[in-house]
PDB file of N, CA and C in Angstrom:
ATOM      1  N   MET A   1      -7.520  11.852 -12.153  1.00  0.00           N
ATOM      2  CA  MET A   1      -7.198  11.244 -13.613  1.00  0.00           C
ATOM      3  C   MET A   1      -6.282  10.233 -13.388  1.00  0.00           C
ATOM      4  N   ILE A   2      -6.527   9.114 -13.759  1.00  0.00           N
ATOM      5  CA  ILE A   2      -5.295   8.292 -13.846  1.00  0.00           C
ATOM      6  C   ILE A   2      -4.337   8.368 -14.672  1.00  0.00           C
ATOM      7  N   HIS A   3      -3.001   8.100 -14.197  1.00  0.00           N
ATOM      8  CA  HIS A   3      -2.030   8.269 -14.994  1.00  0.00           C
ATOM      9  C   HIS A   3      -1.100   7.238 -15.150  1.00  0.00           C
ATOM     10  N   ILE A   4      -1.308   6.636 -16.316  1.00  0.00           N
ATOM     11  CA  ILE A   4      -0.608   5.049 -16.853  1.00  0.00           C
ATOM     12  C   ILE A   4       0.633   5.720 -17.913  1.00  0.00           C
ATOM     13  N   ARG A   5       1.992   5.048 -17.389  1.00  0.00           N
ATOM     14  CA  ARG A   5       2.894   5.392 -18.537  1.00  0.00           C
ATOM     15  C   ARG A   5       3.948   4.500 -18.474  1.00  0.00           C
ATOM     16  N   PRO A   6       4.506   4.252 -19.530  1.00  0.00           N
ATOM     17  CA  PRO A   6       5.673   3.046 -19.719  1.00  0.00           C
ATOM     18  C   PRO A   6       6.670   3.161 -18.742  1.00  0.00           C
ATOM     19  N   VAL A   7       7.210   2.422 -18.022  1.00  0.00           N
ATOM     20  CA  VAL A   7       8.426   2.313 -17.149  1.00  0.00           C
ATOM     21  C   VAL A   7       9.497   3.084 -17.536  1.00  0.00           C
ATOM     22  N   SER A   8       9.597   2.966 -19.142  1.00  0.00           N
ATOM     23  CA  SER A   8      10.942   3.677 -19.714  1.00  0.00           C
ATOM     24  C   SER A   8      10.950   5.183 -19.465  1.00  0.00           C
ATOM     25  N   ASP A   9       9.596   5.790 -18.830  1.00  0.00           N
ATOM     26  CA  ASP A   9       9.370   7.103 -18.463  1.00  0.00           C
ATOM     27  C   ASP A   9       9.963   7.538 -17.527  1.00  0.00           C
ATOM     28  N   LEU A  10      10.299   6.431 -16.407  1.00  0.00           N
ATOM     29  CA  LEU A  10      10.620   6.868 -15.157  1.00  0.00           C
ATOM     30  C   LEU A  10      12.233   7.091 -15.357  1.00  0.00           C
ATOM     31  N   ARG A  11      12.775   6.702 -16.287  1.00  0.00           N
ATOM     32  CA  ARG A  11      14.379   7.199 -16.656  1.00  0.00           C
ATOM     33  C   ARG A  11      14.323   8.122 -17.501  1.00  0.00           C
ATOM     34  N   ASN A  12      13.459   8.308 -18.521  1.00  0.00           N
ATOM     35  CA  ASN A  12      13.634   8.947 -19.605  1.00  0.00           C
ATOM     36  C   ASN A  12      13.037  10.512 -19.445  1.00  0.00           C
ATOM     37  N   LYS A  13      11.863  10.267 -18.548  1.00  0.00           N
ATOM     38  CA  LYS A  13      11.127  11.785 -18.418  1.00  0.00           C
ATOM     39  C   LYS A  13      10.789  11.805 -16.885  1.00  0.00           C
ATOM     40  N   PHE A  14      11.743  11.579 -16.179  1.00  0.00           N
ATOM     41  CA  PHE A  14      11.396  11.589 -14.531  1.00  0.00           C
ATOM     42  C   PHE A  14      10.962  12.753 -14.001  1.00  0.00           C
ATOM     43  N   PRO A  15      11.420  14.033 -14.717  1.00  0.00           N
ATOM     44  CA  PRO A  15      10.542  15.170 -14.129  1.00  0.00           C
ATOM     45  C   PRO A  15       9.299  15.225 -14.046  1.00  0.00           C
ATOM     46  N   GLU A  16       8.622  14.759 -15.417  1.00  0.00           N
ATOM     47  CA  GLU A  16       7.241  14.802 -15.585  1.00  0.00           C
ATOM     48  C   GLU A  16       6.450  13.743 -14.851  1.00  0.00           C
ATOM     49  N   ILE A  17       7.272  12.742 -14.488  1.00  0.00           N
ATOM     50  CA  ILE A  17       6.332  11.628 -13.420  1.00  0.00           C
ATOM     51  C   ILE A  17       6.730  12.430 -12.178  1.00  0.00           C
ATOM     52  N   GLU A  18       7.700  13.100 -11.679  1.00  0.00           N
ATOM     53  CA  GLU A  18       7.811  13.710 -10.484  1.00  0.00           C
ATOM     54  C   GLU A  18       6.784  14.712 -10.500  1.00  0.00           C
ATOM     55  N   ASN A  19       6.470  15.391 -11.311  1.00  0.00           N
ATOM     56  CA  ASN A  19       5.414  16.394 -11.106  1.00  0.00           C
ATOM     57  C   ASN A  19       4.128  15.717 -11.012  1.00  0.00           C
ATOM     58  N   LEU A  20       3.776  14.742 -11.590  1.00  0.00           N
ATOM     59  CA  LEU A  20       2.646  14.114 -11.668  1.00  0.00           C
ATOM     60  C   LEU A  20       2.251  13.623  -9.907  1.00  0.00           C
ATOM     61  N   VAL A  21       3.336  12.913  -9.660  1.00  0.00           N
ATOM     62  CA  VAL A  21       3.435  12.362  -8.177  1.00  0.00           C
ATOM     63  C   VAL A  21       3.238  13.456  -7.056  1.00  0.00           C
ATOM     64  N   LYS A  22       3.814  14.733  -7.392  1.00  0.00           N
ATOM     65  CA  LYS A  22       3.701  15.794  -6.494  1.00  0.00           C
ATOM     66  C   LYS A  22       2.595  16.606  -6.560  1.00  0.00           C
ATOM     67  N   GLU A  23       1.609  16.317  -7.438  1.00  0.00           N
ATOM     68  CA  GLU A  23       0.242  16.946  -7.832  1.00  0.00           C
ATOM     69  C   GLU A  23      -0.759  16.133  -6.919  1.00  0.00           C
ATOM     70  N   GLY A  24      -0.323  14.645  -6.300  1.00  0.00           N
ATOM     71  CA  GLY A  24      -1.318  14.292  -5.329  1.00  0.00           C
ATOM     72  C   GLY A  24      -1.475  12.910  -5.965  1.00  0.00           C
ATOM     73  N   GLY A  25      -1.426  12.539  -7.090  1.00  0.00           N
ATOM     74  CA  GLY A  25      -1.932  11.328  -7.556  1.00  0.00           C
ATOM     75  C   GLY A  25      -0.784  10.176  -7.986  1.00  0.00           C
ATOM     76  N   PRO A  26      -1.093   8.891  -7.790  1.00  0.00           N
ATOM     77  CA  PRO A  26      -0.097   7.985  -8.087  1.00  0.00           C
ATOM     78  C   PRO A  26       0.021   7.700  -9.676  1.00  0.00           C
ATOM     79  N   VAL A  27       1.196   7.156  -9.958  1.00  0.00           N
ATOM     80  CA  VAL A  27       1.613   7.186 -11.452  1.00  0.00           C
ATOM     81  C   VAL A  27       1.671   5.706 -11.446  1.00  0.00           C
ATOM     82  N   TYR A  28       0.922   4.838 -12.432  1.00  0.00           N
ATOM     83  CA  TYR A  28       0.895   3.473 -12.802  1.00  0.00           C
ATOM     84  C   TYR A  28       1.956   3.426 -13.737  1.00  0.00           C
ATOM     85  N   LEU A  29       3.247   2.554 -13.793  1.00  0.00           N
ATOM     86  CA  LEU A  29       3.999   2.173 -14.738  1.00  0.00           C
ATOM     87  C   LEU A  29       3.597   0.875 -15.249  1.00  0.00           C
ATOM     88  N   THR A  30       3.631   0.520 -16.604  1.00  0.00           N
ATOM     89  CA  THR A  30       3.543  -0.523 -17.387  1.00  0.00           C
ATOM     90  C   THR A  30       5.151  -0.961 -17.960  1.00  0.00           C
ATOM     91  N   LYS A  31       5.124  -2.252 -18.248  1.00  0.00           N
ATOM     92  CA  LYS A  31       6.186  -3.160 -18.932  1.00  0.00           C
ATOM     93  C   LYS A  31       5.442  -4.069 -19.858  1.00  0.00           C
ATOM     94  N   ASN A  32       5.801  -3.806 -20.861  1.00  0.00           N
ATOM     95  CA  ASN A  32       5.221  -4.555 -22.163  1.00  0.00           C
ATOM     96  C   ASN A  32       3.951  -4.595 -22.041  1.00  0.00           C
ATOM     97  N   GLY A  33       3.245  -3.502 -21.754  1.00  0.00           N
ATOM     98  CA  GLY A  33       1.849  -3.392 -21.578  1.00  0.00           C
ATOM     99  C   GLY A  33       1.173  -3.838 -20.393  1.00  0.00           C
ATOM    100  N   HIS A  34       1.605  -4.405 -19.647  1.00  0.00           N
ATOM    101  CA  HIS A  34       1.144  -4.933 -18.365  1.00  0.00           C
ATOM    102  C   HIS A  34       1.600  -4.145 -17.219  1.00  0.00           C
ATOM    103  N   GLY A  35       0.875  -4.088 -16.092  1.00  0.00           N
ATOM    104  CA  GLY A  35       1.191  -3.209 -15.171  1.00  0.00           C
ATOM    105  C   GLY A  35       2.466  -3.822 -14.422  1.00  0.00           C
ATOM    106  N   SER A  36       3.535  -3.071 -13.702  1.00  0.00           N
ATOM    107  CA  SER A  36       4.681  -3.368 -13.276  1.00  0.00           C
ATOM    108  C   SER A  36       4.908  -2.798 -11.886  1.00  0.00           C
ATOM    109  N   MET A  37       4.393  -1.366 -11.784  1.00  0.00           N
ATOM    110  CA  MET A  37       4.746  -0.532 -10.335  1.00  0.00           C
ATOM    111  C   MET A  37       3.857   0.642 -10.296  1.00  0.00           C
ATOM    112  N   VAL A  38       3.767   0.922  -8.963  1.00  0.00           N
ATOM    113  CA  VAL A  38       3.023   2.457  -8.819  1.00  0.00           C
ATOM    114  C   VAL A  38       4.121   3.403  -8.060  1.00  0.00           C
ATOM    115  N   VAL A  39       4.207   4.407  -8.817  1.00  0.00           N
ATOM    116  CA  VAL A  39       5.043   5.546  -8.103  1.00  0.00           C
ATOM    117  C   VAL A  39       4.208   6.441  -7.184  1.00  0.00           C
ATOM    118  N   LEU A  40       4.336   6.679  -5.845  1.00  0.00           N
ATOM    119  CA  LEU A  40       3.686   7.318  -4.988  1.00  0.00           C
ATOM    120  C   LEU A  40       4.876   8.312  -4.204  1.00  0.00           C
ATOM    121  N   SER A  41       4.240   9.383  -3.907  1.00  0.00           N
ATOM    122  CA  SER A  41       5.086  10.638  -3.078  1.00  0.00           C
ATOM    123  C   SER A  41       5.147   9.990  -1.561  1.00  0.00           C
ATOM    124  N   ILE A  42       6.170  10.266  -0.951  1.00  0.00           N
ATOM    125  CA  ILE A  42       6.519   9.876   0.470  1.00  0.00           C
ATOM    126  C   ILE A  42       5.262  10.144   1.227  1.00  0.00           C
ATOM    127  N   GLU A  43       4.646  11.012   1.113  1.00  0.00           N
ATOM    128  CA  GLU A  43       3.211  11.599   1.910  1.00  0.00           C
ATOM    129  C   GLU A  43       2.003  10.486   1.468  1.00  0.00           C
ATOM    130  N   GLN A  44       2.104  10.150   0.516  1.00  0.00           N
ATOM    131  CA  GLN A  44       1.008   9.334  -0.192  1.00  0.00           C
ATOM    132  C   GLN A  44       1.128   8.008   0.446  1.00  0.00           C
ATOM    133  N   TYR A  45       2.391   7.458   0.297  1.00  0.00           N
ATOM    134  CA  TYR A  45       2.646   6.230   0.952  1.00  0.00           C
ATOM    135  C   TYR A  45       2.646   6.098   2.498  1.00  0.00           C
ATOM    136  N   GLY A  46       3.047   7.292   2.791  1.00  0.00           N
ATOM    137  CA  GLY A  46       2.768   7.501   4.402  1.00  0.00           C
ATOM    138  C   GLY A  46       1.300   7.318   5.286  1.00  0.00           C
ATOM    139  N   LYS A  47       0.353   7.861   4.417  1.00  0.00           N
ATOM    140  CA  LYS A  47      -0.914   7.709   4.726  1.00  0.00           C
ATOM    141  C   LYS A  47      -1.491   6.311   4.508  1.00  0.00           C
ATOM    142  N   LEU A  48      -0.910   5.636   3.352  1.00  0.00           N
ATOM    143  CA  LEU A  48      -1.384   4.277   3.035  1.00  0.00           C
ATOM    144  C   LEU A  48      -1.058   3.243   4.372  1.00  0.00           C
ATOM    145  N   THR A  49       0.141   3.409   4.641  1.00  0.00           N
ATOM    146  CA  THR A  49       0.895   2.607   5.642  1.00  0.00           C
ATOM    147  C   THR A  49       0.513   2.949   7.033  1.00  0.00           C
ATOM    148  N   GLU A  50       0.123   4.117   7.285  1.00  0.00           N
ATOM    149  CA  GLU A  50      -0.095   4.638   8.742  1.00  0.00           C
ATOM    150  C   GLU A  50      -0.992   3.708   9.393  1.00  0.00           C
ATOM    151  N   TYR A  51      -2.147   3.465   8.814  1.00  0.00           N
ATOM    152  CA  TYR A  51      -3.196   2.674   9.423  1.00  0.00           C
ATOM    153  C   TYR A  51      -2.660   1.293   9.947  1.00  0.00           C
ATOM    154  N   VAL A  52      -1.810   0.674   8.884  1.00  0.00           N
ATOM    155  CA  VAL A  52      -1.552  -0.473   9.357  1.00  0.00           C
ATOM    156  C   VAL A  52      -0.316  -0.293  10.330  1.00  0.00           C
ATOM    157  N   GLU A  53       0.715   0.535  10.220  1.00  0.00           N
ATOM    158  CA  GLU A  53       1.500   0.635  11.307  1.00  0.00           C
ATOM    159  C   GLU A  53       0.863   0.817  12.679  1.00  0.00           C
ATOM    160  N   THR A  54      -0.040   1.648  12.971  1.00  0.00           N
ATOM    161  CA  THR A  54      -0.915   1.939  13.807  1.00  0.00           C
ATOM    162  C   THR A  54      -1.705   0.336  14.613  1.00  0.00           C
ATOM    163  N   GLN A  55      -2.093  -0.415  13.685  1.00  0.00           N
ATOM    164  CA  GLN A  55      -2.816  -1.658  14.285  1.00  0.00           C
ATOM    165  C   GLN A  55      -1.678  -2.511  14.518  1.00  0.00           C
ATOM    166  N   LEU A  56      -0.426  -2.493  14.073  1.00  0.00           N
ATOM    167  CA  LEU A  56       0.529  -3.217  14.438  1.00  0.00           C
ATOM    168  C   LEU A  56       1.138  -3.041  15.647  1.00  0.00           C
ATOM    169  N   ASP A  57       1.178  -1.535  15.984  1.00  0.00           N
ATOM    170  CA  ASP A  57       1.894  -1.052  17.512  1.00  0.00           C
ATOM    171  C   ASP A  57       0.588  -1.449  18.224  1.00  0.00           C
ATOM    172  N   GLU A  58      -0.543  -1.406  18.151  1.00  0.00           N
ATOM    173  CA  GLU A  58      -1.466  -1.716  19.067  1.00  0.00           C
ATOM    174  C   GLU A  58      -1.644  -3.330  19.290  1.00  0.00           C
ATOM    175  N   ALA A  59      -1.340  -3.975  18.262  1.00  0.00           N
ATOM    176  CA  ALA A  59      -1.026  -5.516  18.331  1.00  0.00           C
ATOM    177  C   ALA A  59      -0.067  -6.001  19.298  1.00  0.00           C
ATOM    178  N   ASP A  60       1.040  -5.253  19.145  1.00  0.00           N
ATOM    179  CA  ASP A  60       2.207  -5.426  20.078  1.00  0.00           C
ATOM    180  C   ASP A  60       1.865  -5.281  21.384  1.00  0.00           C
ATOM    181  N   MET A  61       1.046  -3.917  21.842  1.00  0.00           N
ATOM    182  CA  MET A  61       0.611  -3.660  22.927  1.00  0.00           C
ATOM    183  C   MET A  61      -0.289  -4.949  23.710  1.00  0.00           C
ATOM    184  N   VAL A  62      -0.787  -5.238  22.999  1.00  0.00           N
ATOM    185  CA  VAL A  62      -1.964  -6.319  23.144  1.00  0.00           C
ATOM    186  C   VAL A  62      -1.076  -7.638  23.712  1.00  0.00           C
ATOM    187  N   ALA A  63      -0.338  -7.893  22.697  1.00  0.00           N
ATOM    188  CA  ALA A  63       0.319  -8.939  22.959  1.00  0.00           C
ATOM    189  C   ALA A  63       1.391  -8.933  24.396  1.00  0.00           C
ATOM    190  N   GLU A  64       1.628  -7.836  24.751  1.00  0.00           N
ATOM    191  CA  GLU A  64       2.395  -7.728  25.733  1.00  0.00           C
ATOM    192  C   GLU A  64       1.807  -7.772  27.222  1.00  0.00           C
ATOM    193  N   SER A  65       0.588  -7.588  27.064  1.00  0.00           N
ATOM    194  CA  SER A  65      -0.482  -7.432  28.067  1.00  0.00           C
ATOM    195  C   SER A  65      -1.320  -8.897  28.406  1.00  0.00           C
ATOM    196  N   THR A  66      -1.127  -9.540  27.397  1.00  0.00           N
ATOM    197  CA  THR A  66      -1.769 -10.997  27.712  1.00  0.00           C
ATOM    198  C   THR A  66      -0.891 -12.379  27.130  1.00  0.00           C
ATOM    199  N   SER A  67      -1.180 -13.239  27.514  1.00  0.00           N
ATOM    200  CA  SER A  67      -0.618 -14.528  26.915  1.00  0.00           C
ATOM    201  C   SER A  67      -1.516 -15.267  25.911  1.00  0.00           C
ATOM    202  N   GLN A  68      -2.707 -14.749  25.705  1.00  0.00           N
ATOM    203  CA  GLN A  68      -3.321 -15.539  24.586  1.00  0.00           C
ATOM    204  C   GLN A  68      -2.772 -15.263  23.322  1.00  0.00           C
ATOM    205  N   ARG A  69      -2.532 -16.185  22.470  1.00  0.00           N
ATOM    206  CA  ARG A  69      -2.155 -16.296  21.036  1.00  0.00           C
ATOM    207  C   ARG A  69      -2.983 -16.673  20.254  1.00  0.00           C
ATOM    208  N   LEU A  70      -3.200 -16.350  19.139  1.00  0.00           N
ATOM    209  CA  LEU A  70      -4.215 -17.094  18.258  1.00  0.00           C
ATOM    210  C   LEU A  70      -3.280 -17.736  17.065  1.00  0.00           C
ATOM    211  N   GLY A  71      -3.771 -18.688  16.519  1.00  0.00           N
ATOM    212  CA  GLY A  71      -3.213 -19.566  15.230  1.00  0.00           C
ATOM    213  C   GLY A  71      -3.608 -18.956  13.918  1.00  0.00           C
ATOM    214  N   HIS A  72      -2.665 -19.208  13.016  1.00  0.00           N
ATOM    215  CA  HIS A  72      -2.842 -18.390  11.456  1.00  0.00           C
ATOM    216  C   HIS A  72      -4.243 -18.811  11.156  1.00  0.00           C
ATOM    217  N   ASN A  73      -4.604 -20.019  11.618  1.00  0.00           N
ATOM    218  CA  ASN A  73      -6.129 -20.396  11.011  1.00  0.00           C
ATOM    219  C   ASN A  73      -7.333 -19.574  11.467  1.00  0.00           C
ATOM    220  N   GLU A  74      -7.064 -19.624  12.751  1.00  0.00           N
ATOM    221  CA  GLU A  74      -8.157 -18.256  13.506  1.00  0.00           C
ATOM    222  C   GLU A  74      -7.991 -17.228  12.850  1.00  0.00           C
ATOM    223  N   ILE A  75      -6.817 -16.438  12.710  1.00  0.00           N
ATOM    224  CA  ILE A  75      -6.596 -15.253  12.203  1.00  0.00           C
ATOM    225  C   ILE A  75      -7.223 -15.107  11.066  1.00  0.00           C
ATOM    226  N   PHE A  76      -7.099 -16.044   9.777  1.00  0.00           N
ATOM    227  CA  PHE A  76      -7.524 -15.994   8.683  1.00  0.00           C
ATOM    228  C   PHE A  76      -8.835 -16.141   8.608  1.00  0.00           C
ATOM    229  N   GLN A  77      -9.671 -17.167   9.323  1.00  0.00           N
ATOM    230  CA  GLN A  77     -11.160 -17.057   9.415  1.00  0.00           C
ATOM    231  C   GLN A  77     -11.526 -15.831  10.091  1.00  0.00           C
ATOM    232  N   LYS A  78     -11.056 -15.288  10.622  1.00  0.00           N
ATOM    233  CA  LYS A  78     -11.655 -13.924  11.288  1.00  0.00           C
ATOM    234  C   LYS A  78     -11.505 -12.861  10.171  1.00  0.00           C
ATOM    235  N   VAL A  79     -10.296 -12.733   9.469  1.00  0.00           N
ATOM    236  CA  VAL A  79     -10.145 -11.880   8.263  1.00  0.00           C
ATOM    237  C   VAL A  79     -11.170 -12.287   7.126  1.00  0.00           C
ATOM    238  N   ARG A  80     -11.785 -13.559   6.847  1.00  0.00           N
ATOM    239  CA  ARG A  80     -12.288 -13.891   5.742  1.00  0.00           C
ATOM    240  C   ARG A  80     -13.689 -13.128   6.309  1.00  0.00           C
ATOM    241  N   ARG A  81     -14.140 -13.677   7.273  1.00  0.00           N
ATOM    242  CA  ARG A  81     -15.574 -13.167   7.940  1.00  0.00           C
ATOM    243  C   ARG A  81     -15.595 -11.527   7.769  1.00  0.00           C
ATOM    244  N   LYS A  82     -14.565 -10.975   8.123  1.00  0.00           N
ATOM    245  CA  LYS A  82     -14.536  -9.149   8.027  1.00  0.00           C
ATOM    246  C   LYS A  82     -14.805  -8.935   6.541  1.00  0.00           C
ATOM    247  N   LEU A  83     -14.079  -9.809   5.728  1.00  0.00           N
ATOM    248  CA  LEU A  83     -13.984  -9.530   4.257  1.00  0.00           C
ATOM    249  C   LEU A  83     -15.577  -9.540   3.894  1.00  0.00           C
ATOM    250  N   ASP A  84     -16.020 -11.036   4.065  1.00  0.00           N
ATOM    251  CA  ASP A  84     -17.391 -11.153   3.717  1.00  0.00           C
ATOM    252  C   ASP A  84     -18.287 -10.043   4.046  1.00  0.00           C
ATOM    253  N   GLU A  85     -18.346  -9.551   5.212  1.00  0.00           N
ATOM    254  CA  GLU A  85     -19.004  -8.321   5.677  1.00  0.00           C
ATOM    255  C   GLU A  85     -19.138  -7.165   4.868  1.00  0.00           C
ATOM    256  N   LEU A  86     -18.023  -7.101   4.032  1.00  0.00           N
ATOM    257  CA  LEU A  86     -17.664  -5.921   3.260  1.00  0.00           C
ATOM    258  C   LEU A  86     -18.757  -5.942   1.949  1.00  0.00           C
TER     259      LEU A  86
END
């Protein structure tokens, strides 16, 4: 179930927000009817960022072992091709 709450609930009903997050789902907060932020547990955030951190670590190791460098245009072209494949 998607939980959407006004950002004021973060201050006024923190225990409720905390319980929803502990149950495993994100809580989407709105301000004046528009999306403002998402509240996640530390565990959820870690799962989301773990892959990126691993990829950055691998990129650092590759960079240390080779002198080849790619420009930003090459990188963005590769990313666009990958996205087009999805």
